[in-house]
C-alpha cells in the first residue's frame, strides 16, 4: 500500500482527494498547509508520494517540496503538483520547479484518472 501525503487548503477538494485515493487502496494523510505538513515529514518515514496544491493560502507548495527534498537525498519521492493556473502559466511553473526533482503537474479541474496516472 502506497502512502500519500496530500496538502490542499480547500477542505472540499482535500476530502474529495482522500476519497478517491483511499478507494484505490492508498493510505492517505492530508493536511491544509505546508507549515502543518513539514513537521509531520520530519517525524516518520517519508511518504511514497506527495500531492500538493501549488497555490496554498499559506504560500506556495514549493516550500513543502523544498523541505521534502532536503530530507529525501536522491529525490526518490515523486511529487504531483495540482494547479488551477492558466495553461500559459503552467509552463512557467514547470520551469521554476525543474530543479526540485521529479514533479508532475495536474491542472485543475481534473478527472480522478488523471491524478491516479500522475501518481504512477
PDB file of N, CA and C in Angstrom:
ATOM      1  N   UNK A   1       0.851  -1.179   0.000  1.00  0.00           N
ATOM      2  CA  UNK A   1       0.000   0.000   0.000  1.00  0.00           C
ATOM      3  C   UNK A   1       0.895   1.239   0.000  1.00  0.00           C
ATOM      4  N   UNK A   2       0.692   2.093  -0.974  1.00  0.00           N
ATOM      5  CA  UNK A   2       1.474   3.327  -1.053  1.00  0.00           C
ATOM      6  C   UNK A   2       0.911   4.380  -0.108  1.00  0.00           C
ATOM      7  N   UNK A   3       1.813   5.087   0.560  1.00  0.00           N
ATOM      8  CA  UNK A   3       1.440   6.176   1.459  1.00  0.00           C
ATOM      9  C   UNK A   3       1.537   7.490   0.694  1.00  0.00           C
ATOM     10  N   UNK A   4       0.446   8.271   0.721  1.00  0.00           N
ATOM     11  CA  UNK A   4       0.392   9.532   0.001  1.00  0.00           C
ATOM     12  C   UNK A   4       0.107  10.670   0.978  1.00  0.00           C
ATOM     13  N   UNK A   5       0.913  11.697   0.908  1.00  0.00           N
ATOM     14  CA  UNK A   5       0.660  12.930   1.657  1.00  0.00           C
ATOM     15  C   UNK A   5      -0.030  13.902   0.714  1.00  0.00           C
ATOM     16  N   UNK A   6      -1.194  14.402   1.128  1.00  0.00           N
ATOM     17  CA  UNK A   6      -1.950  15.385   0.349  1.00  0.00           C
ATOM     18  C   UNK A   6      -1.930  16.700   1.112  1.00  0.00           C
ATOM     19  N   UNK A   7      -1.514  17.768   0.431  1.00  0.00           N
ATOM     20  CA  UNK A   7      -1.530  19.103   1.037  1.00  0.00           C
ATOM     21  C   UNK A   7      -2.357  19.998   0.134  1.00  0.00           C
ATOM     22  N   UNK A   8      -3.527  20.365   0.624  1.00  0.00           N
ATOM     23  CA  UNK A   8      -4.506  21.140  -0.145  1.00  0.00           C
ATOM     24  C   UNK A   8      -5.292  21.995   0.828  1.00  0.00           C
ATOM     25  N   UNK A   9      -5.357  23.310   0.573  1.00  0.00           N
ATOM     26  CA  UNK A   9      -6.026  24.194   1.526  1.00  0.00           C
ATOM     27  C   UNK A   9      -7.547  24.187   1.429  1.00  0.00           C
ATOM     28  N   UNK A  10      -8.101  23.750   0.305  1.00  0.00           N
ATOM     29  CA  UNK A  10      -9.554  23.655   0.178  1.00  0.00           C
ATOM     30  C   UNK A  10     -10.027  22.364   0.838  1.00  0.00           C
ATOM     31  N   UNK A  11     -10.815  22.499   1.898  1.00  0.00           N
ATOM     32  CA  UNK A  11     -11.284  21.321   2.619  1.00  0.00           C
ATOM     33  C   UNK A  11     -12.087  20.390   1.716  1.00  0.00           C
ATOM     34  N   UNK A  12     -12.935  20.967   0.884  1.00  0.00           N
ATOM     35  CA  UNK A  12     -13.763  20.161  -0.013  1.00  0.00           C
ATOM     36  C   UNK A  12     -12.897  19.361  -0.991  1.00  0.00           C
ATOM     37  N   UNK A  13     -11.905  20.004  -1.575  1.00  0.00           N
ATOM     38  CA  UNK A  13     -11.013  19.316  -2.505  1.00  0.00           C
ATOM     39  C   UNK A  13     -10.176  18.268  -1.780  1.00  0.00           C
ATOM     40  N   UNK A  14      -9.681  18.611  -0.600  1.00  0.00           N
ATOM     41  CA  UNK A  14      -8.880  17.684   0.190  1.00  0.00           C
ATOM     42  C   UNK A  14      -9.676  16.421   0.513  1.00  0.00           C
ATOM     43  N   UNK A  15     -10.919  16.588   0.932  1.00  0.00           N
ATOM     44  CA  UNK A  15     -11.754  15.435   1.263  1.00  0.00           C
ATOM     45  C   UNK A  15     -12.049  14.589   0.022  1.00  0.00           C
ATOM     46  N   UNK A  16     -12.267  15.237  -1.120  1.00  0.00           N
ATOM     47  CA  UNK A  16     -12.508  14.501  -2.365  1.00  0.00           C
ATOM     48  C   UNK A  16     -11.270  13.689  -2.755  1.00  0.00           C
ATOM     49  N   UNK A  17     -10.101  14.289  -2.601  1.00  0.00           N
ATOM     50  CA  UNK A  17      -8.858  13.575  -2.899  1.00  0.00           C
ATOM     51  C   UNK A  17      -8.680  12.367  -1.980  1.00  0.00           C
ATOM     52  N   UNK A  18      -8.999  12.537  -0.712  1.00  0.00           N
ATOM     53  CA  UNK A  18      -8.908  11.428   0.237  1.00  0.00           C
ATOM     54  C   UNK A  18      -9.800  10.273  -0.210  1.00  0.00           C
ATOM     55  N   UNK A  19     -11.028  10.591  -0.583  1.00  0.00           N
ATOM     56  CA  UNK A  19     -11.981   9.549  -1.004  1.00  0.00           C
ATOM     57  C   UNK A  19     -11.460   8.827  -2.247  1.00  0.00           C
ATOM     58  N   UNK A  20     -11.013   9.595  -3.226  1.00  0.00           N
ATOM     59  CA  UNK A  20     -10.515   8.997  -4.475  1.00  0.00           C
ATOM     60  C   UNK A  20      -9.326   8.087  -4.196  1.00  0.00           C
ATOM     61  N   UNK A  21      -8.356   8.594  -3.467  1.00  0.00           N
ATOM     62  CA  UNK A  21      -7.131   7.826  -3.229  1.00  0.00           C
ATOM     63  C   UNK A  21      -7.373   6.607  -2.348  1.00  0.00           C
ATOM     64  N   UNK A  22      -8.155   6.758  -1.309  1.00  0.00           N
ATOM     65  CA  UNK A  22      -8.443   5.602  -0.437  1.00  0.00           C
ATOM     66  C   UNK A  22      -9.222   4.524  -1.184  1.00  0.00           C
ATOM     67  N   UNK A  23     -10.118   4.939  -2.086  1.00  0.00           N
ATOM     68  CA  UNK A  23     -10.892   3.955  -2.852  1.00  0.00           C
ATOM     69  C   UNK A  23      -9.999   3.140  -3.782  1.00  0.00           C
ATOM     70  N   UNK A  24      -8.819   3.658  -4.076  1.00  0.00           N
ATOM     71  CA  UNK A  24      -7.868   2.951  -4.937  1.00  0.00           C
ATOM     72  C   UNK A  24      -6.774   2.243  -4.127  1.00  0.00           C
ATOM     73  N   UNK A  25      -6.932   2.214  -2.809  1.00  0.00           N
ATOM     74  CA  UNK A  25      -6.026   1.449  -1.975  1.00  0.00           C
ATOM     75  C   UNK A  25      -4.840   2.205  -1.411  1.00  0.00           C
ATOM     76  N   UNK A  26      -4.809   3.519  -1.570  1.00  0.00           N
ATOM     77  CA  UNK A  26      -3.728   4.310  -0.998  1.00  0.00           C
ATOM     78  C   UNK A  26      -4.005   4.595   0.472  1.00  0.00           C
ATOM     79  N   UNK A  27      -2.951   4.673   1.283  1.00  0.00           N
ATOM     80  CA  UNK A  27      -3.044   5.197   2.637  1.00  0.00           C
ATOM     81  C   UNK A  27      -2.814   6.691   2.497  1.00  0.00           C
ATOM     82  N   UNK A  28      -3.703   7.505   3.061  1.00  0.00           N
ATOM     83  CA  UNK A  28      -3.655   8.952   2.839  1.00  0.00           C
ATOM     84  C   UNK A  28      -3.551   9.710   4.153  1.00  0.00           C
ATOM     85  N   UNK A  29      -2.608  10.651   4.184  1.00  0.00           N
ATOM     86  CA  UNK A  29      -2.514  11.644   5.263  1.00  0.00           C
ATOM     87  C   UNK A  29      -2.718  12.977   4.584  1.00  0.00           C
ATOM     88  N   UNK A  30      -3.690  13.746   5.035  1.00  0.00           N
ATOM     89  CA  UNK A  30      -3.937  15.030   4.380  1.00  0.00           C
ATOM     90  C   UNK A  30      -3.833  16.177   5.372  1.00  0.00           C
ATOM     91  N   UNK A  31      -3.354  17.296   4.840  1.00  0.00           N
ATOM     92  CA  UNK A  31      -3.167  18.494   5.642  1.00  0.00           C
ATOM     93  C   UNK A  31      -3.512  19.714   4.799  1.00  0.00           C
ATOM     94  N   UNK A  32      -3.785  20.824   5.491  1.00  0.00           N
ATOM     95  CA  UNK A  32      -4.227  22.027   4.801  1.00  0.00           C
ATOM     96  C   UNK A  32      -3.094  22.967   4.414  1.00  0.00           C
ATOM     97  N   UNK A  33      -1.956  22.862   5.094  1.00  0.00           N
ATOM     98  CA  UNK A  33      -0.877  23.822   4.834  1.00  0.00           C
ATOM     99  C   UNK A  33       0.481  23.124   4.788  1.00  0.00           C
ATOM    100  N   UNK A  34       1.419  23.767   4.117  1.00  0.00           N
ATOM    101  CA  UNK A  34       2.797  23.274   4.108  1.00  0.00           C
ATOM    102  C   UNK A  34       3.382  23.363   5.509  1.00  0.00           C
ATOM    103  N   UNK A  35       3.028  24.401   6.248  1.00  0.00           N
ATOM    104  CA  UNK A  35       3.538  24.577   7.607  1.00  0.00           C
ATOM    105  C   UNK A  35       3.103  23.434   8.522  1.00  0.00           C
ATOM    106  N   UNK A  36       1.954  22.880   8.265  1.00  0.00           N
ATOM    107  CA  UNK A  36       1.454  21.740   9.034  1.00  0.00           C
ATOM    108  C   UNK A  36       2.147  20.444   8.577  1.00  0.00           C
ATOM    109  N   UNK A  37       2.409  20.332   7.287  1.00  0.00           N
ATOM    110  CA  UNK A  37       2.965  19.099   6.718  1.00  0.00           C
ATOM    111  C   UNK A  37       4.457  18.926   6.992  1.00  0.00           C
ATOM    112  N   UNK A  38       5.204  20.010   6.979  1.00  0.00           N
ATOM    113  CA  UNK A  38       6.663  19.904   7.123  1.00  0.00           C
ATOM    114  C   UNK A  38       7.066  19.230   8.430  1.00  0.00           C
ATOM    115  N   UNK A  39       6.531  19.616   9.587  1.00  0.00           N
ATOM    116  CA  UNK A  39       6.904  18.902  10.826  1.00  0.00           C
ATOM    117  C   UNK A  39       6.513  17.420  10.777  1.00  0.00           C
ATOM    118  N   UNK A  40       5.383  17.106  10.150  1.00  0.00           N
ATOM    119  CA  UNK A  40       4.954  15.714  10.033  1.00  0.00           C
ATOM    120  C   UNK A  40       5.976  14.903   9.235  1.00  0.00           C
ATOM    121  N   UNK A  41       6.546  15.504   8.213  1.00  0.00           N
ATOM    122  CA  UNK A  41       7.545  14.817   7.395  1.00  0.00           C
ATOM    123  C   UNK A  41       8.800  14.475   8.196  1.00  0.00           C
ATOM    124  N   UNK A  42       9.108  15.265   9.202  1.00  0.00           N
ATOM    125  CA  UNK A  42      10.359  15.071   9.942  1.00  0.00           C
ATOM    126  C   UNK A  42      10.287  13.980  11.000  1.00  0.00           C
ATOM    127  N   UNK A  43       9.089  13.520  11.353  1.00  0.00           N
ATOM    128  CA  UNK A  43       8.972  12.576  12.474  1.00  0.00           C
ATOM    129  C   UNK A  43       8.835  11.117  12.076  1.00  0.00           C
ATOM    130  N   UNK A  44       8.678  10.849  10.823  1.00  0.00           N
ATOM    131  CA  UNK A  44       8.493   9.455  10.441  1.00  0.00           C
ATOM    132  C   UNK A  44       9.077   9.179   9.083  1.00  0.00           C
ATOM    133  N   UNK A  45       8.796   8.008   8.583  1.00  0.00           N
ATOM    134  CA  UNK A  45       9.285   7.721   7.236  1.00  0.00           C
ATOM    135  C   UNK A  45       8.602   8.641   6.224  1.00  0.00           C
ATOM    136  N   UNK A  46       9.316   8.947   5.173  1.00  0.00           N
ATOM    137  CA  UNK A  46       8.746   9.806   4.135  1.00  0.00           C
ATOM    138  C   UNK A  46       7.634   9.065   3.408  1.00  0.00           C
ATOM    139  N   UNK A  47       6.641   9.789   2.919  1.00  0.00           N
ATOM    140  CA  UNK A  47       5.574   9.128   2.163  1.00  0.00           C
ATOM    141  C   UNK A  47       6.119   8.615   0.829  1.00  0.00           C
ATOM    142  N   UNK A  48       5.358   7.743   0.197  1.00  0.00           N
ATOM    143  CA  UNK A  48       5.748   7.224  -1.115  1.00  0.00           C
ATOM    144  C   UNK A  48       5.466   8.231  -2.226  1.00  0.00           C
ATOM    145  N   UNK A  49       4.472   9.070  -2.012  1.00  0.00           N
ATOM    146  CA  UNK A  49       4.087  10.089  -2.985  1.00  0.00           C
ATOM    147  C   UNK A  49       3.605  11.322  -2.215  1.00  0.00           C
ATOM    148  N   UNK A  50       3.718  12.498  -2.859  1.00  0.00           N
ATOM    149  CA  UNK A  50       3.181  13.738  -2.298  1.00  0.00           C
ATOM    150  C   UNK A  50       2.325  14.403  -3.367  1.00  0.00           C
ATOM    151  N   UNK A  51       1.135  14.831  -2.963  1.00  0.00           N
ATOM    152  CA  UNK A  51       0.245  15.607  -3.825  1.00  0.00           C
ATOM    153  C   UNK A  51       0.063  16.946  -3.138  1.00  0.00           C
ATOM    154  N   UNK A  52       0.420  18.027  -3.838  1.00  0.00           N
ATOM    155  CA  UNK A  52       0.366  19.347  -3.206  1.00  0.00           C
ATOM    156  C   UNK A  52      -0.214  20.366  -4.177  1.00  0.00           C
ATOM    157  N   UNK A  53      -1.044  21.236  -3.649  1.00  0.00           N
ATOM    158  CA  UNK A  53      -1.572  22.351  -4.428  1.00  0.00           C
ATOM    159  C   UNK A  53      -0.467  23.395  -4.572  1.00  0.00           C
ATOM    160  N   UNK A  54      -0.285  23.924  -5.768  1.00  0.00           N
ATOM    161  CA  UNK A  54       0.777  24.913  -5.949  1.00  0.00           C
ATOM    162  C   UNK A  54       0.459  26.191  -5.189  1.00  0.00           C
ATOM    163  N   UNK A  55      -0.784  26.661  -5.327  1.00  0.00           N
ATOM    164  CA  UNK A  55      -1.171  27.909  -4.663  1.00  0.00           C
ATOM    165  C   UNK A  55      -1.953  27.602  -3.401  1.00  0.00           C
ATOM    166  N   UNK A  56      -1.254  27.575  -2.275  1.00  0.00           N
ATOM    167  CA  UNK A  56      -1.887  27.379  -0.984  1.00  0.00           C
ATOM    168  C   UNK A  56      -2.162  28.744  -0.359  1.00  0.00           C
ATOM    169  N   UNK A  57      -3.190  28.841   0.456  1.00  0.00           N
ATOM    170  CA  UNK A  57      -3.485  30.113   1.119  1.00  0.00           C
ATOM    171  C   UNK A  57      -2.312  30.577   1.972  1.00  0.00           C
ATOM    172  N   UNK A  58      -1.555  29.612   2.481  1.00  0.00           N
ATOM    173  CA  UNK A  58      -0.430  29.944   3.359  1.00  0.00           C
ATOM    174  C   UNK A  58       0.875  30.146   2.589  1.00  0.00           C
ATOM    175  N   UNK A  59       0.832  30.117   1.275  1.00  0.00           N
ATOM    176  CA  UNK A  59       2.041  30.277   0.465  1.00  0.00           C
ATOM    177  C   UNK A  59       2.000  29.346  -0.728  1.00  0.00           C
ATOM    178  N   UNK A  60       3.144  29.095  -1.320  1.00  0.00           N
ATOM    179  CA  UNK A  60       3.176  28.195  -2.466  1.00  0.00           C
ATOM    180  C   UNK A  60       3.665  26.819  -2.033  1.00  0.00           C
ATOM    181  N   UNK A  61       3.209  25.800  -2.765  1.00  0.00           N
ATOM    182  CA  UNK A  61       3.553  24.430  -2.446  1.00  0.00           C
ATOM    183  C   UNK A  61       5.030  24.113  -2.598  1.00  0.00           C
ATOM    184  N   UNK A  62       5.758  24.977  -3.292  1.00  0.00           N
ATOM    185  CA  UNK A  62       7.182  24.688  -3.473  1.00  0.00           C
ATOM    186  C   UNK A  62       7.945  24.715  -2.151  1.00  0.00           C
ATOM    187  N   UNK A  63       7.450  25.446  -1.165  1.00  0.00           N
ATOM    188  CA  UNK A  63       8.137  25.443   0.140  1.00  0.00           C
ATOM    189  C   UNK A  63       8.115  24.041   0.733  1.00  0.00           C
ATOM    190  N   UNK A  64       7.017  23.328   0.570  1.00  0.00           N
ATOM    191  CA  UNK A  64       6.933  21.951   1.038  1.00  0.00           C
ATOM    192  C   UNK A  64       7.877  21.062   0.232  1.00  0.00           C
ATOM    193  N   UNK A  65       7.892  21.238  -1.082  1.00  0.00           N
ATOM    194  CA  UNK A  65       8.750  20.412  -1.927  1.00  0.00           C
ATOM    195  C   UNK A  65      10.222  20.643  -1.585  1.00  0.00           C
ATOM    196  N   UNK A  66      10.600  21.886  -1.363  1.00  0.00           N
ATOM    197  CA  UNK A  66      11.984  22.190  -0.995  1.00  0.00           C
ATOM    198  C   UNK A  66      12.376  21.491   0.304  1.00  0.00           C
ATOM    199  N   UNK A  67      11.504  21.508   1.292  1.00  0.00           N
ATOM    200  CA  UNK A  67      11.792  20.831   2.563  1.00  0.00           C
ATOM    201  C   UNK A  67      11.841  19.316   2.377  1.00  0.00           C
ATOM    202  N   UNK A  68      10.921  18.791   1.581  1.00  0.00           N
ATOM    203  CA  UNK A  68      10.918  17.356   1.299  1.00  0.00           C
ATOM    204  C   UNK A  68      12.236  16.941   0.666  1.00  0.00           C
ATOM    205  N   UNK A  69      12.733  17.716  -0.276  1.00  0.00           N
ATOM    206  CA  UNK A  69      13.974  17.369  -0.971  1.00  0.00           C
ATOM    207  C   UNK A  69      15.180  17.415  -0.032  1.00  0.00           C
ATOM    208  N   UNK A  70      15.139  18.259   0.993  1.00  0.00           N
ATOM    209  CA  UNK A  70      16.227  18.279   1.974  1.00  0.00           C
ATOM    210  C   UNK A  70      16.280  16.968   2.758  1.00  0.00           C
ATOM    211  N   UNK A  71      15.117  16.357   2.965  1.00  0.00           N
ATOM    212  CA  UNK A  71      15.034  15.105   3.712  1.00  0.00           C
ATOM    213  C   UNK A  71      15.182  13.886   2.816  1.00  0.00           C
ATOM    214  N   UNK A  72      14.962  14.078   1.551  1.00  0.00           N
ATOM    215  CA  UNK A  72      14.906  12.987   0.577  1.00  0.00           C
ATOM    216  C   UNK A  72      16.114  13.074  -0.333  1.00  0.00           C
ATOM    217  N   UNK A  73      17.262  12.651   0.207  1.00  0.00           N
ATOM    218  CA  UNK A  73      18.527  12.803  -0.529  1.00  0.00           C
ATOM    219  C   UNK A  73      18.512  12.009  -1.810  1.00  0.00           C
ATOM    220  N   UNK A  74      18.100  12.078  -2.791  1.00  0.00           N
ATOM    221  CA  UNK A  74      18.078  11.296  -4.009  1.00  0.00           C
ATOM    222  C   UNK A  74      16.779  11.547  -4.729  1.00  0.00           C
ATOM    223  N   UNK A  75      15.978  12.429  -4.193  1.00  0.00           N
ATOM    224  CA  UNK A  75      14.710  12.789  -4.847  1.00  0.00           C
ATOM    225  C   UNK A  75      13.886  11.554  -5.212  1.00  0.00           C
ATOM    226  N   UNK A  76      13.795  10.637  -4.273  1.00  0.00           N
ATOM    227  CA  UNK A  76      13.071   9.401  -4.542  1.00  0.00           C
ATOM    228  C   UNK A  76      11.558   9.570  -4.468  1.00  0.00           C
ATOM    229  N   UNK A  77      11.067  10.559  -3.759  1.00  0.00           N
ATOM    230  CA  UNK A  77       9.622  10.705  -3.568  1.00  0.00           C
ATOM    231  C   UNK A  77       9.028  11.527  -4.706  1.00  0.00           C
ATOM    232  N   UNK A  78       8.226  10.885  -5.555  1.00  0.00           N
ATOM    233  CA  UNK A  78       7.575  11.643  -6.632  1.00  0.00           C
ATOM    234  C   UNK A  78       6.551  12.628  -6.064  1.00  0.00           C
ATOM    235  N   UNK A  79       6.471  13.773  -6.691  1.00  0.00           N
ATOM    236  CA  UNK A  79       5.551  14.829  -6.269  1.00  0.00           C
ATOM    237  C   UNK A  79       4.604  15.153  -7.418  1.00  0.00           C
ATOM    238  N   UNK A  80       3.330  15.270  -7.086  1.00  0.00           N
ATOM    239  CA  UNK A  80       2.321  15.729  -8.044  1.00  0.00           C
ATOM    240  C   UNK A  80       1.850  17.091  -7.563  1.00  0.00           C
ATOM    241  N   UNK A  81       2.003  18.085  -8.418  1.00  0.00           N
ATOM    242  CA  UNK A  81       1.569  19.445  -8.100  1.00  0.00           C
ATOM    243  C   UNK A  81       0.256  19.710  -8.829  1.00  0.00           C
ATOM    244  N   UNK A  82      -0.755  20.108  -8.061  1.00  0.00           N
ATOM    245  CA  UNK A  82      -2.040  20.489  -8.644  1.00  0.00           C
ATOM    246  C   UNK A  82      -2.057  22.003  -8.793  1.00  0.00           C
ATOM    247  N   UNK A  83      -2.602  22.465  -9.908  1.00  0.00           N
ATOM    248  CA  UNK A  83      -2.690  23.910 -10.086  1.00  0.00           C
ATOM    249  C   UNK A  83      -3.898  24.286 -10.927  1.00  0.00           C
ATOM    250  N   UNK A  84      -4.466  25.428 -10.593  1.00  0.00           N
ATOM    251  CA  UNK A  84      -5.557  25.992 -11.380  1.00  0.00           C
ATOM    252  C   UNK A  84      -5.045  27.138 -12.248  1.00  0.00           C
ATOM    253  N   UNK A  85      -3.733  27.241 -12.349  1.00  0.00           N
ATOM    254  CA  UNK A  85      -3.129  28.307 -13.165  1.00  0.00           C
ATOM    255  C   UNK A  85      -3.507  28.103 -14.630  1.00  0.00           C
ATOM    256  N   UNK A  86      -3.599  29.196 -15.387  1.00  0.00           N
ATOM    257  CA  UNK A  86      -3.884  29.053 -16.820  1.00  0.00           C
ATOM    258  C   UNK A  86      -2.743  28.299 -17.507  1.00  0.00           C
ATOM    259  N   UNK A  87      -3.050  27.592 -18.601  1.00  0.00           N
ATOM    260  CA  UNK A  87      -2.019  26.796 -19.290  1.00  0.00           C
ATOM    261  C   UNK A  87      -0.740  27.572 -19.604  1.00  0.00           C
ATOM    262  N   UNK A  88      -0.848  28.835 -19.938  1.00  0.00           N
ATOM    263  CA  UNK A  88       0.354  29.617 -20.239  1.00  0.00           C
ATOM    264  C   UNK A  88       1.253  29.759 -19.007  1.00  0.00           C
ATOM    265  N   UNK A  89       0.658  29.770 -17.844  1.00  0.00           N
ATOM    266  CA  UNK A  89       1.412  29.894 -16.592  1.00  0.00           C
ATOM    267  C   UNK A  89       1.996  28.547 -16.147  1.00  0.00           C
ATOM    268  N   UNK A  90       1.337  27.445 -16.517  1.00  0.00           N
ATOM    269  CA  UNK A  90       1.799  26.119 -16.095  1.00  0.00           C
ATOM    270  C   UNK A  90       3.203  25.842 -16.621  1.00  0.00           C
ATOM    271  N   UNK A  91       3.488  26.219 -17.872  1.00  0.00           N
ATOM    272  CA  UNK A  91       4.844  26.025 -18.408  1.00  0.00           C
ATOM    273  C   UNK A  91       5.871  26.788 -17.588  1.00  0.00           C
ATOM    274  N   UNK A  92       5.517  27.978 -17.171  1.00  0.00           N
ATOM    275  CA  UNK A  92       6.402  28.792 -16.332  1.00  0.00           C
ATOM    276  C   UNK A  92       6.626  28.119 -14.969  1.00  0.00           C
ATOM    277  N   UNK A  93       5.556  27.562 -14.397  1.00  0.00           N
ATOM    278  CA  UNK A  93       5.664  26.866 -13.108  1.00  0.00           C
ATOM    279  C   UNK A  93       6.560  25.638 -13.237  1.00  0.00           C
ATOM    280  N   UNK A  94       6.419  24.912 -14.334  1.00  0.00           N
ATOM    281  CA  UNK A  94       7.258  23.724 -14.556  1.00  0.00           C
ATOM    282  C   UNK A  94       8.727  24.112 -14.619  1.00  0.00           C
ATOM    283  N   UNK A  95       9.035  25.193 -15.312  1.00  0.00           N
ATOM    284  CA  UNK A  95      10.426  25.641 -15.410  1.00  0.00           C
ATOM    285  C   UNK A  95      10.955  26.063 -14.039  1.00  0.00           C
ATOM    286  N   UNK A  96      10.119  26.740 -13.255  1.00  0.00           N
ATOM    287  CA  UNK A  96      10.577  27.240 -11.958  1.00  0.00           C
ATOM    288  C   UNK A  96      10.782  26.130 -10.936  1.00  0.00           C
ATOM    289  N   UNK A  97      10.181  24.967 -11.174  1.00  0.00           N
ATOM    290  CA  UNK A  97      10.324  23.858 -10.224  1.00  0.00           C
ATOM    291  C   UNK A  97      11.241  22.752 -10.755  1.00  0.00           C
ATOM    292  N   UNK A  98      11.843  22.961 -11.894  1.00  0.00           N
ATOM    293  CA  UNK A  98      12.641  21.919 -12.547  1.00  0.00           C
ATOM    294  C   UNK A  98      13.784  21.400 -11.676  1.00  0.00           C
ATOM    295  N   UNK A  99      14.338  22.232 -10.832  1.00  0.00           N
ATOM    296  CA  UNK A  99      15.467  21.820 -10.003  1.00  0.00           C
ATOM    297  C   UNK A  99      15.044  21.102  -8.717  1.00  0.00           C
ATOM    298  N   UNK A 100      13.747  20.919  -8.531  1.00  0.00           N
ATOM    299  CA  UNK A 100      13.248  20.312  -7.293  1.00  0.00           C
ATOM    300  C   UNK A 100      12.988  18.811  -7.427  1.00  0.00           C
ATOM    301  N   UNK A 101      13.543  18.181  -8.432  1.00  0.00           N
ATOM    302  CA  UNK A 101      13.379  16.740  -8.589  1.00  0.00           C
ATOM    303  C   UNK A 101      12.158  16.382  -9.397  1.00  0.00           C
ATOM    304  N   UNK A 102      11.807  15.090  -9.386  1.00  0.00           N
ATOM    305  CA  UNK A 102      10.692  14.635 -10.218  1.00  0.00           C
ATOM    306  C   UNK A 102       9.356  15.216  -9.757  1.00  0.00           C
ATOM    307  N   UNK A 103       8.759  16.001 -10.631  1.00  0.00           N
ATOM    308  CA  UNK A 103       7.464  16.634 -10.334  1.00  0.00           C
ATOM    309  C   UNK A 103       6.567  16.478 -11.549  1.00  0.00           C
ATOM    310  N   UNK A 104       5.349  16.069 -11.293  1.00  0.00           N
ATOM    311  CA  UNK A 104       4.332  16.009 -12.348  1.00  0.00           C
ATOM    312  C   UNK A 104       3.267  17.042 -12.007  1.00  0.00           C
ATOM    313  N   UNK A 105       2.713  17.631 -13.036  1.00  0.00           N
ATOM    314  CA  UNK A 105       1.673  18.637 -12.842  1.00  0.00           C
ATOM    315  C   UNK A 105       0.326  18.091 -13.305  1.00  0.00           C
ATOM    316  N   UNK A 106      -0.713  18.406 -12.528  1.00  0.00           N
ATOM    317  CA  UNK A 106      -2.085  18.085 -12.894  1.00  0.00           C
ATOM    318  C   UNK A 106      -2.853  19.394 -12.818  1.00  0.00           C
ATOM    319  N   UNK A 107      -3.483  19.734 -13.929  1.00  0.00           N
ATOM    320  CA  UNK A 107      -4.209  21.005 -13.982  1.00  0.00           C
ATOM    321  C   UNK A 107      -5.652  20.820 -13.519  1.00  0.00           C
ATOM    322  N   UNK A 108      -6.060  21.701 -12.609  1.00  0.00           N
ATOM    323  CA  UNK A 108      -7.437  21.704 -12.098  1.00  0.00           C
ATOM    324  C   UNK A 108      -8.344  22.403 -13.106  1.00  0.00           C
ATOM    325  N   UNK A 109      -9.564  21.964 -13.233  1.00  0.00           N
ATOM    326  CA  UNK A 109     -10.118  20.737 -12.660  1.00  0.00           C
ATOM    327  C   UNK A 109      -9.588  19.520 -13.428  1.00  0.00           C
ATOM    328  N   UNK A 110      -9.507  18.397 -12.759  1.00  0.00           N
ATOM    329  CA  UNK A 110      -9.013  17.189 -13.401  1.00  0.00           C
ATOM    330  C   UNK A 110      -9.907  16.013 -13.037  1.00  0.00           C
ATOM    331  N   UNK A 111      -9.824  14.988 -13.840  1.00  0.00           N
ATOM    332  CA  UNK A 111     -10.555  13.752 -13.582  1.00  0.00           C
ATOM    333  C   UNK A 111      -9.708  12.894 -12.634  1.00  0.00           C
ATOM    334  N   UNK A 112     -10.349  12.073 -11.814  1.00  0.00           N
ATOM    335  CA  UNK A 112      -9.583  11.215 -10.908  1.00  0.00           C
ATOM    336  C   UNK A 112      -8.513  10.392 -11.627  1.00  0.00           C
ATOM    337  N   UNK A 113      -8.827   9.925 -12.827  1.00  0.00           N
ATOM    338  CA  UNK A 113      -7.868   9.105 -13.582  1.00  0.00           C
ATOM    339  C   UNK A 113      -6.588   9.873 -13.884  1.00  0.00           C
ATOM    340  N   UNK A 114      -6.696  11.172 -14.107  1.00  0.00           N
ATOM    341  CA  UNK A 114      -5.505  11.977 -14.379  1.00  0.00           C
ATOM    342  C   UNK A 114      -4.583  12.026 -13.165  1.00  0.00           C
ATOM    343  N   UNK A 115      -5.174  12.173 -11.995  1.00  0.00           N
ATOM    344  CA  UNK A 115      -4.370  12.184 -10.767  1.00  0.00           C
ATOM    345  C   UNK A 115      -3.745  10.815 -10.540  1.00  0.00           C
ATOM    346  N   UNK A 116      -4.531   9.770 -10.707  1.00  0.00           N
ATOM    347  CA  UNK A 116      -4.009   8.426 -10.472  1.00  0.00           C
ATOM    348  C   UNK A 116      -2.880   8.102 -11.447  1.00  0.00           C
ATOM    349  N   UNK A 117      -3.008   8.542 -12.671  1.00  0.00           N
ATOM    350  CA  UNK A 117      -1.931   8.330 -13.653  1.00  0.00           C
ATOM    351  C   UNK A 117      -0.669   9.080 -13.237  1.00  0.00           C
ATOM    352  N   UNK A 118      -0.836  10.304 -12.756  1.00  0.00           N
ATOM    353  CA  UNK A 118       0.313  11.097 -12.317  1.00  0.00           C
ATOM    354  C   UNK A 118       1.011  10.476 -11.110  1.00  0.00           C
ATOM    355  N   UNK A 119       0.283   9.719 -10.315  1.00  0.00           N
ATOM    356  CA  UNK A 119       0.851   9.083  -9.122  1.00  0.00           C
ATOM    357  C   UNK A 119       1.615   7.796  -9.442  1.00  0.00           C
ATOM    358  N   UNK A 120       1.485   7.298 -10.640  1.00  0.00           N
ATOM    359  CA  UNK A 120       2.186   6.041 -11.024  1.00  0.00           C
ATOM    360  C   UNK A 120       3.667   6.256 -11.137  1.00  0.00           C
TER     361      UNK A 120
END
